[in-house]
Protein backbone atom coordinates (compact mmCIF):
# COMPACT_ATOMS: atom_id res chain seq x y z
CA MET A 1 108.01 104.70 384.82
CA SER A 2 105.88 104.90 381.69
CA LYS A 3 103.67 102.08 383.03
CA TYR A 4 102.97 104.07 386.20
CA LEU A 5 102.22 107.17 384.19
CA SER A 6 99.83 105.33 381.87
CA ILE A 7 98.08 103.61 384.79
CA SER A 8 97.68 106.89 386.69
CA LEU A 9 96.30 108.66 383.61
CA SER A 10 93.90 105.76 383.00
CA ILE A 11 92.65 105.97 386.58
CA LEU A 12 92.26 109.74 386.23
CA ILE A 13 90.19 109.33 383.07
CA LEU A 14 88.08 106.64 384.77
CA ILE A 15 87.41 108.85 387.80
CA GLN A 16 86.51 111.82 385.62
CA SER A 17 84.16 109.70 383.52
CA PHE A 18 82.16 109.02 386.68
CA GLY A 19 81.84 112.77 387.23
CA MET A 20 84.31 112.92 390.09
CA ASP A 21 87.32 115.12 390.45
CA PHE A 22 90.05 115.61 393.02
CA ARG A 23 87.94 117.99 395.11
CA ASP A 24 85.46 115.16 395.64
CA LEU A 25 88.23 112.82 396.71
CA ALA A 26 89.53 115.46 399.13
CA HIS A 27 86.08 115.67 400.80
CA ILE A 28 85.74 111.93 401.47
CA ASP A 29 86.66 112.55 405.11
CA ASP A 30 83.73 115.01 405.37
CA LEU A 31 81.46 112.28 404.00
CA ILE A 32 82.65 109.78 406.61
CA GLU A 33 82.40 112.35 409.39
CA HIS A 34 78.84 113.31 408.40
CA ALA A 35 77.86 109.64 408.11
CA GLN A 36 79.17 109.11 411.65
CA PHE A 37 77.13 112.14 412.78
CA HIS A 38 73.96 110.62 411.25
CA SER A 39 74.72 107.29 412.84
CA ASP A 40 75.11 108.85 416.29
CA LYS A 41 72.22 111.35 416.13
CA TYR A 42 69.60 109.58 413.99
CA GLY A 43 70.70 105.93 414.12
CA ASP A 44 71.06 105.74 410.31
CA ASN A 45 73.18 103.08 408.71
CA PHE A 46 75.40 103.99 405.75
CA LEU A 47 72.83 103.02 403.09
CA VAL A 48 70.13 105.18 404.67
CA PHE A 49 72.67 107.99 404.93
CA LEU A 50 73.45 107.69 401.22
CA SER A 51 69.75 107.65 400.42
CA LYS A 52 69.20 110.82 402.49
CA HIS A 53 72.01 112.71 400.79
CA TYR A 54 72.23 111.26 397.29
CA GLY A 55 69.07 109.25 396.72
CA ALA A 56 65.29 109.27 397.05
CA LEU A 57 65.15 110.84 400.53
CA GLU A 58 67.42 113.76 399.63
CA GLU A 59 64.71 116.39 399.12
CA GLU A 60 62.84 115.44 402.29
CA HIS A 61 66.02 115.43 404.36
CA SER A 62 67.17 118.82 403.06
CA GLN A 63 63.77 120.38 403.90
CA ASP A 64 63.60 118.86 407.39
CA HIS A 65 67.17 119.68 408.43
CA GLN A 66 68.00 123.19 407.28
CA GLU A 67 70.49 123.57 410.14
CA GLU A 68 72.78 121.01 408.47
CA LYS A 69 72.85 122.88 405.16
CA GLN A 70 76.43 124.06 405.71
CA ASP A 71 77.56 120.46 406.31
CA HIS A 72 75.67 119.23 403.26
CA GLU A 73 77.44 121.71 400.98
CA GLN A 74 80.80 120.27 402.06
CA LEU A 75 79.88 116.71 401.07
CA PRO A 76 81.53 115.31 397.95
CA PHE A 77 79.72 114.44 394.71
CA ASN A 78 77.26 117.32 395.09
CA ASN A 79 78.56 119.36 392.22
CA HIS A 80 75.69 119.68 389.81
CA CYS A 81 77.78 120.80 386.92
CA CYS A 82 76.56 119.89 383.53
CA SER A 83 78.19 120.64 380.25
CA HIS A 84 75.89 119.66 377.47
CA SER A 85 76.48 120.88 374.00
CA ILE A 86 73.41 121.92 372.13
CA VAL A 87 73.56 121.95 368.38
CA VAL A 88 70.88 123.93 366.64
CA TYR A 89 70.20 123.34 362.98
CA MET A 90 67.97 125.88 361.32
CA VAL A 91 66.48 125.60 357.87
CA ASN A 92 65.95 128.92 356.22
CA LYS A 93 63.10 128.84 353.75
CA LEU A 94 64.12 132.09 352.14
CA GLN A 95 66.29 131.34 349.18
CA VAL A 96 69.11 133.62 348.30
CA PRO A 97 69.07 134.50 344.60
CA VAL A 98 71.97 132.98 342.72
CA VAL A 99 73.88 135.38 340.57
CA ASN A 100 75.02 133.72 337.38
CA THR A 101 78.39 135.02 336.34
CA VAL A 102 80.00 134.44 333.01
CA PRO A 103 83.31 132.64 333.36
CA VAL A 104 86.25 134.51 331.96
CA PHE A 105 88.58 132.49 329.78
CA ASN A 106 91.99 133.77 328.92
CA TYR A 107 92.98 132.26 325.58
CA THR A 108 96.18 134.20 325.20
CA THR A 109 98.84 131.70 326.09
CA ASN A 110 102.52 132.20 325.96
CA PHE A 111 104.47 128.96 325.88
CA TYR A 112 108.21 129.22 325.48
CA TYR A 113 110.39 126.18 326.05
CA LEU A 114 114.13 126.42 326.34
CA ASP A 115 116.15 123.23 326.54
CA ASN A 116 118.73 124.05 329.18
CA TYR A 117 119.96 120.49 329.69
CA SER A 118 120.79 119.45 326.14
CA PHE A 119 124.51 119.81 326.77
CA LEU A 120 124.41 116.87 329.23
CA GLU A 121 123.61 114.23 326.61
CA LYS A 122 126.66 115.17 324.59
CA SER A 123 129.17 114.62 327.40
CA ASP A 124 130.75 111.20 327.82
CA ILE A 125 130.05 110.90 331.50
CA PHE A 126 126.35 110.18 331.01
CA GLN A 127 126.78 107.73 328.10
CA PRO A 128 126.80 103.94 328.46
CA PRO A 129 130.17 102.17 328.39
CA LYS A 130 131.56 101.55 324.92
CA GLN A 131 133.26 98.26 325.69
CA ALA A 132 131.79 95.37 327.60
């Protein structure tokens, strides 16, 4: 059971690293249906279809066929989500004046030691054996 769980999580991480999610996998049938539509109407093979929707001919195809815009929005792998983190480092040239404070030392110490365990060394239980 743990092997199946680890394999499924590994596949999930692999799919997400390619930028896909489960919504894209659910729309694979729309991709195949639209590819069949292009094959019937325009005579495109699958590679030309991919080029028209995901490659170099994408912009030209979207301008020429505005009537298919609703179908194109349903195709998978069209989510243009990007999550970049931008880190900004700013150097401030204005220097904050440093306030020099005098450290306060407390020399009044109060040490008082009370030996509370001295009675233990006098009892016989903690002494080494007297006969060997």
